[in-house]
Protein backbone atom coordinates (compact mmCIF):
# COMPACT_ATOMS: atom_id res chain seq x y z
CA UNK A 1 4.88 -81.09 90.62
CA UNK A 2 7.96 -80.69 88.45
CA UNK A 3 9.19 -84.12 87.27
CA UNK A 4 12.78 -83.13 88.13
CA UNK A 5 12.06 -83.49 91.84
CA UNK A 6 10.12 -86.71 91.34
CA UNK A 7 12.92 -88.37 89.40
CA UNK A 8 15.54 -87.47 91.98
CA UNK A 9 13.87 -89.96 94.29
CA UNK A 10 14.50 -92.88 91.91
CA UNK A 11 17.91 -91.96 90.49
CA UNK A 12 19.95 -94.14 92.90
CA UNK A 13 18.27 -97.27 91.54
CA UNK A 14 18.88 -96.25 87.91
CA UNK A 15 22.47 -95.01 87.95
CA UNK A 16 25.37 -97.42 87.93
CA UNK A 17 29.15 -97.08 87.57
CA UNK A 18 30.54 -93.59 87.24
CA UNK A 19 28.08 -90.73 86.72
CA UNK A 20 28.20 -87.23 85.23
CA UNK A 21 25.58 -84.51 85.57
CA UNK A 22 24.71 -81.63 83.25
CA UNK A 23 21.87 -79.23 82.41
CA UNK A 24 20.54 -77.97 79.08
CA UNK A 25 17.91 -75.37 78.17
CA UNK A 26 15.78 -75.57 75.02
CA UNK A 27 15.67 -71.96 73.83
CA UNK A 28 14.07 -70.22 70.86
CA UNK A 29 15.61 -67.20 69.19
CA UNK A 30 16.63 -65.62 65.90
CA UNK A 31 20.09 -65.32 64.36
CA UNK A 32 21.25 -63.19 61.44
CA UNK A 33 23.22 -64.80 58.62
CA UNK A 34 24.16 -62.73 55.57
CA UNK A 35 21.65 -59.97 56.50
CA UNK A 36 18.74 -62.41 56.89
CA UNK A 37 17.12 -63.43 60.19
CA UNK A 38 16.49 -67.12 60.89
CA UNK A 39 14.45 -68.71 63.67
CA UNK A 40 16.26 -71.41 65.64
CA UNK A 41 15.79 -73.77 68.55
CA UNK A 42 18.92 -74.88 70.40
CA UNK A 43 20.18 -76.63 73.52
CA UNK A 44 21.98 -73.93 75.50
CA UNK A 45 23.86 -74.08 78.80
CA UNK A 46 21.65 -71.35 80.33
CA UNK A 47 18.40 -69.53 79.67
CA UNK A 48 20.27 -67.10 77.39
CA UNK A 49 19.37 -68.11 73.83
CA UNK A 50 22.09 -68.81 71.29
CA UNK A 51 22.14 -70.60 67.93
CA UNK A 52 25.18 -72.50 69.21
CA UNK A 53 24.08 -75.83 70.70
CA UNK A 54 26.03 -76.54 73.87
CA UNK A 55 28.03 -79.81 73.66
CA UNK A 56 28.29 -82.14 76.65
CA UNK A 57 31.65 -83.84 77.30
CA UNK A 58 31.86 -86.64 79.88
CA UNK A 59 33.93 -89.70 80.76
CA UNK A 60 31.35 -91.47 82.91
CA UNK A 61 29.29 -94.55 82.08
CA UNK A 62 26.09 -92.69 82.94
CA UNK A 63 24.96 -89.16 82.13
CA UNK A 64 22.19 -87.59 84.21
CA UNK A 65 20.84 -84.71 82.17
CA UNK A 66 18.25 -82.14 83.23
CA UNK A 67 16.49 -80.45 80.30
CA UNK A 68 14.49 -77.24 80.79
CA UNK A 69 12.01 -76.40 78.02
CA UNK A 70 11.81 -72.63 77.49
CA UNK A 71 9.97 -72.94 74.18
CA UNK A 72 6.23 -72.28 73.89
CA UNK A 73 5.37 -75.88 72.90
CA UNK A 74 6.13 -79.28 74.40
CA UNK A 75 9.22 -81.23 73.32
CA UNK A 76 10.66 -84.70 73.83
CA UNK A 77 14.39 -85.37 73.60
CA UNK A 78 15.89 -88.41 71.90
CA UNK A 79 19.20 -90.23 71.46
CA UNK A 80 18.81 -92.62 68.54
CA UNK A 81 21.94 -94.66 69.25
CA UNK A 82 20.55 -95.53 72.69
CA UNK A 83 16.99 -96.07 71.49
CA UNK A 84 15.95 -93.38 73.96
CA UNK A 85 13.10 -90.87 73.93
CA UNK A 86 12.04 -88.87 76.96
CA UNK A 87 8.60 -88.05 78.22
CA UNK A 88 7.06 -84.89 76.75
CA UNK A 89 8.41 -81.78 78.47
CA UNK A 90 5.78 -79.07 78.74
CA UNK A 91 6.67 -75.39 78.23
CA UNK A 92 8.55 -73.91 81.20
CA UNK A 93 8.93 -77.37 82.76
CA UNK A 94 11.92 -79.70 83.05
CA UNK A 95 12.73 -83.38 82.79
CA UNK A 96 15.70 -85.25 84.23
CA UNK A 97 16.80 -88.20 82.11
CA UNK A 98 19.32 -90.95 82.78
CA UNK A 99 21.41 -92.08 79.80
CA UNK A 100 23.50 -95.25 80.15
CA UNK A 101 26.50 -95.56 77.80
CA UNK A 102 28.49 -98.29 79.60
CA UNK A 103 32.00 -98.25 78.10
CA UNK A 104 30.96 -97.18 74.58
CA UNK A 105 33.04 -94.08 73.84
CA UNK A 106 32.07 -91.88 70.93
CA UNK A 107 29.74 -89.14 69.72
CA UNK A 108 26.01 -89.31 70.33
CA UNK A 109 23.33 -86.97 69.03
CA UNK A 110 20.75 -85.57 71.45
CA UNK A 111 17.89 -83.78 69.72
CA UNK A 112 14.28 -82.62 70.03
CA UNK A 113 12.28 -85.31 68.28
CA UNK A 114 9.34 -83.08 67.32
CA UNK A 115 9.51 -81.73 63.74
CA UNK A 116 9.58 -78.15 65.06
CA UNK A 117 12.49 -79.08 67.32
CA UNK A 118 14.92 -80.88 65.06
CA UNK A 119 14.01 -78.93 61.90
CA UNK A 120 14.90 -75.68 63.68
CA UNK A 121 18.22 -77.10 64.88
CA UNK A 122 17.69 -78.29 68.47
CA UNK A 123 20.36 -80.97 68.16
CA UNK A 124 23.58 -81.25 70.13
CA UNK A 125 26.66 -83.36 70.70
CA UNK A 126 27.22 -85.77 73.56
CA UNK A 127 30.87 -86.84 73.53
CA UNK A 128 31.82 -89.71 75.81
CA UNK A 129 35.47 -90.48 76.46
CA UNK A 130 38.75 -89.64 74.70
CA UNK A 131 39.96 -87.68 77.70
CA UNK A 132 43.57 -88.74 76.95
CA UNK A 133 43.61 -86.91 73.61
CA UNK A 134 45.58 -83.68 73.36
CA UNK A 135 42.44 -81.80 72.33
CA UNK A 136 38.74 -82.37 71.69
CA UNK A 137 36.70 -80.18 69.32
CA UNK A 138 33.11 -80.22 68.13
CA UNK A 139 31.51 -79.36 64.79
CA UNK A 140 27.72 -79.17 64.76
CA UNK A 141 26.67 -78.89 61.10
CA UNK A 142 23.35 -77.26 60.21
CA UNK A 143 21.46 -75.96 57.18
CA UNK A 144 18.30 -73.87 56.88
CA UNK A 145 16.19 -72.25 54.16
CA UNK A 146 15.14 -68.69 54.78
CA UNK A 147 11.34 -68.49 54.97
CA UNK A 148 10.96 -72.19 55.63
CA UNK A 149 12.11 -71.55 59.21
CA UNK A 150 9.02 -69.41 59.84
CA UNK A 151 6.72 -72.13 58.49
CA UNK A 152 8.43 -74.68 60.74
CA UNK A 153 8.09 -72.39 63.74
CA UNK A 154 4.32 -71.99 63.35
CA UNK A 155 4.06 -75.72 62.50
CA UNK A 156 2.64 -75.10 59.01
CA UNK A 157 5.05 -77.78 57.77
CA UNK A 158 6.23 -80.92 59.56
CA UNK A 159 8.62 -82.36 56.98
CA UNK A 160 11.15 -81.16 54.45
CA UNK A 161 9.77 -80.98 50.89
CA UNK A 162 10.91 -83.97 48.85
CA UNK A 163 11.92 -81.53 46.13
CA UNK A 164 12.50 -77.82 46.28
CA UNK A 165 14.43 -77.57 49.57
CA UNK A 166 16.96 -74.80 49.00
CA UNK A 167 18.92 -74.00 52.15
CA UNK A 168 20.43 -70.54 52.23
CA UNK A 169 22.45 -70.73 55.46
CA UNK A 170 25.10 -73.34 56.32
CA UNK A 171 26.66 -73.18 59.76
CA UNK A 172 29.17 -74.86 62.08
CA UNK A 173 28.29 -74.42 65.75
CA UNK A 174 25.81 -71.71 64.82
CA UNK A 175 28.40 -69.66 62.91
CA UNK A 176 29.24 -68.99 59.27
CA UNK A 177 32.79 -68.37 58.05
CA UNK A 178 34.73 -66.23 58.97
CA UNK A 179 33.07 -66.27 62.41
CA UNK A 180 33.78 -70.01 62.65
CA UNK A 181 37.48 -69.28 63.20
CA UNK A 182 36.64 -67.20 66.27
CA UNK A 183 35.08 -70.30 67.86
CA UNK A 184 37.80 -72.08 69.85
CA UNK A 185 35.60 -75.19 69.98
CA UNK A 186 35.72 -75.45 66.17
CA UNK A 187 39.08 -73.93 65.22
CA UNK A 188 41.69 -76.71 65.55
CA UNK A 189 44.86 -75.31 67.13
CA UNK A 190 47.44 -77.99 67.81
CA UNK A 191 50.99 -79.13 67.12
CA UNK A 192 52.45 -81.76 64.83
CA UNK A 193 51.98 -85.20 66.37
CA UNK A 194 49.10 -84.27 68.68
CA UNK A 195 46.16 -86.65 68.85
CA UNK A 196 43.07 -84.56 68.08
CA UNK A 197 39.51 -85.82 68.49
CA UNK A 198 36.75 -84.03 66.58
CA UNK A 199 33.11 -84.76 67.42
CA UNK A 200 30.76 -84.08 64.52
CA UNK A 201 26.97 -84.15 64.27
CA UNK A 202 24.94 -83.39 61.17
CA UNK A 203 21.98 -81.53 62.65
CA UNK A 204 20.80 -80.39 59.23
CA UNK A 205 18.26 -81.68 56.78
CA UNK A 206 20.63 -82.71 53.98
CA UNK A 207 23.87 -84.69 53.68
CA UNK A 208 27.14 -82.82 54.16
CA UNK A 209 30.52 -83.81 52.73
CA UNK A 210 33.57 -82.47 54.56
CA UNK A 211 36.97 -82.10 52.88
CA UNK A 212 40.26 -81.72 54.79
CA UNK A 213 43.17 -79.90 53.18
CA UNK A 214 46.62 -81.12 54.20
CA UNK A 215 45.66 -84.23 56.17
CA UNK A 216 43.79 -87.50 56.29
CA UNK A 217 41.68 -88.40 59.31
CA UNK A 218 40.57 -91.72 60.78
CA UNK A 219 36.86 -92.33 61.29
CA UNK A 220 36.47 -93.86 64.76
CA UNK A 221 32.66 -94.04 64.99
CA UNK A 222 29.83 -93.36 62.53
CA UNK A 223 26.32 -93.80 63.90
CA UNK A 224 24.41 -94.30 60.64
CA UNK A 225 27.03 -95.94 58.44
CA UNK A 226 29.29 -97.93 60.76
CA UNK A 227 31.06 -99.88 58.00
CA UNK A 228 33.15 -96.72 57.48
CA UNK A 229 34.71 -97.01 60.93
CA UNK A 230 38.47 -97.36 60.53
CA UNK A 231 38.54 -95.63 57.15
CA UNK A 232 41.35 -93.13 56.59
CA UNK A 233 40.03 -90.30 54.43
CA UNK A 234 40.42 -86.63 53.55
CA UNK A 235 36.81 -86.40 52.33
CA UNK A 236 33.76 -88.07 53.86
CA UNK A 237 30.00 -87.72 54.02
CA UNK A 238 27.68 -87.30 57.01
CA UNK A 239 24.05 -88.28 56.56
CA UNK A 240 21.30 -86.15 58.14
CA UNK A 241 21.22 -86.97 61.85
CA UNK A 242 24.57 -88.78 61.80
CA UNK A 243 27.03 -88.54 64.69
CA UNK A 244 30.70 -89.20 63.94
CA UNK A 245 33.97 -89.32 65.87
CA UNK A 246 37.16 -88.66 63.92
CA UNK A 247 40.84 -88.61 64.88
CA UNK A 248 43.43 -86.28 63.38
CA UNK A 249 47.19 -86.68 64.02
CA UNK A 250 48.85 -83.81 62.10
CA UNK A 251 52.11 -84.72 60.35
CA UNK A 252 53.03 -81.25 59.05
CA UNK A 253 52.70 -77.64 60.20
CA UNK A 254 50.65 -74.99 58.46
CA UNK A 255 47.19 -73.47 58.18
CA UNK A 256 44.64 -75.54 56.27
CA UNK A 257 40.92 -75.17 55.57
CA UNK A 258 38.22 -77.75 56.19
CA UNK A 259 35.07 -77.12 54.18
CA UNK A 260 31.91 -78.58 52.79
CA UNK A 261 32.50 -79.92 49.28
CA UNK A 262 29.07 -78.67 48.14
CA UNK A 263 29.71 -75.27 46.54
CA UNK A 264 26.46 -73.74 47.81
CA UNK A 265 27.42 -74.61 51.39
CA UNK A 266 30.50 -72.34 51.29
CA UNK A 267 28.67 -69.34 49.81
CA UNK A 268 26.50 -68.09 52.66
CA UNK A 269 26.92 -64.33 52.28
CA UNK A 270 29.26 -64.90 49.35
CA UNK A 271 32.42 -66.96 48.92
CA UNK A 272 34.12 -67.81 51.21
CA UNK A 273 31.28 -68.16 53.70
CA UNK A 274 29.16 -70.78 55.33
CA UNK A 275 30.46 -74.18 56.35
CA UNK A 276 34.23 -73.59 56.53
CA UNK A 277 36.67 -73.80 59.44
CA UNK A 278 40.45 -74.02 59.80
CA UNK A 279 43.28 -76.21 61.10
CA UNK A 280 46.19 -74.24 62.56
CA UNK A 281 49.06 -76.65 63.14
CA UNK A 282 52.32 -75.54 64.72
CA UNK A 283 55.69 -77.38 64.40
């Protein structure tokens, strides 16, 4: 019997306060970056595979999430900040999980906790709150080494080499620049004075340092390095697996890039490419 139907019988005793519901599919596929094909796993909103992990926005205290596993191996899903890990979800089966956030707004990372899962990019953003902001955007950062992805897929490796990891693709929401600016979830389009919330997760295997041209942002939450909360910066680092909420209030109009400060990360397919997006601010 599918556990989804079993869990429905006990949900009323587990859910409290306001509740949101959503569904994600763990899909496997390949994506081409700079003329090379890469294997990926991702949380999609349907059974149509895409390298873009689907973010989940909600205002409720409780999120009831049904996860369908369309991969060929079992996966568990985890949210570190909640200390949560699901039961193992067999191939072509589903699991319904109940995540309690109470009144703790911010960005949370949901990911497949198996090495094959998280190392191939099955990692997405859960954003609770900030519904009063003018706009909310998400940036899911990811890196992968061509060739290593095949070894991860067939489970020949279960960890990143301590030395010698050389990623060749750097993406935001499954895209490399200039395709990032076609993604309305990543391209910031607002006016001077707007309050803009950007949810960021580092789903990659190395640290990533983002640099804003034209503006400073305020770090609202940082899951792995919380002492930075409240900092006002134009450049900041995200550790592997870190989830971060930032606030931007533009003070001047113009078009400004946001990019990884690591030169290799903006050279996927040649410069400019890779982990770059834009801020388009109107008067």
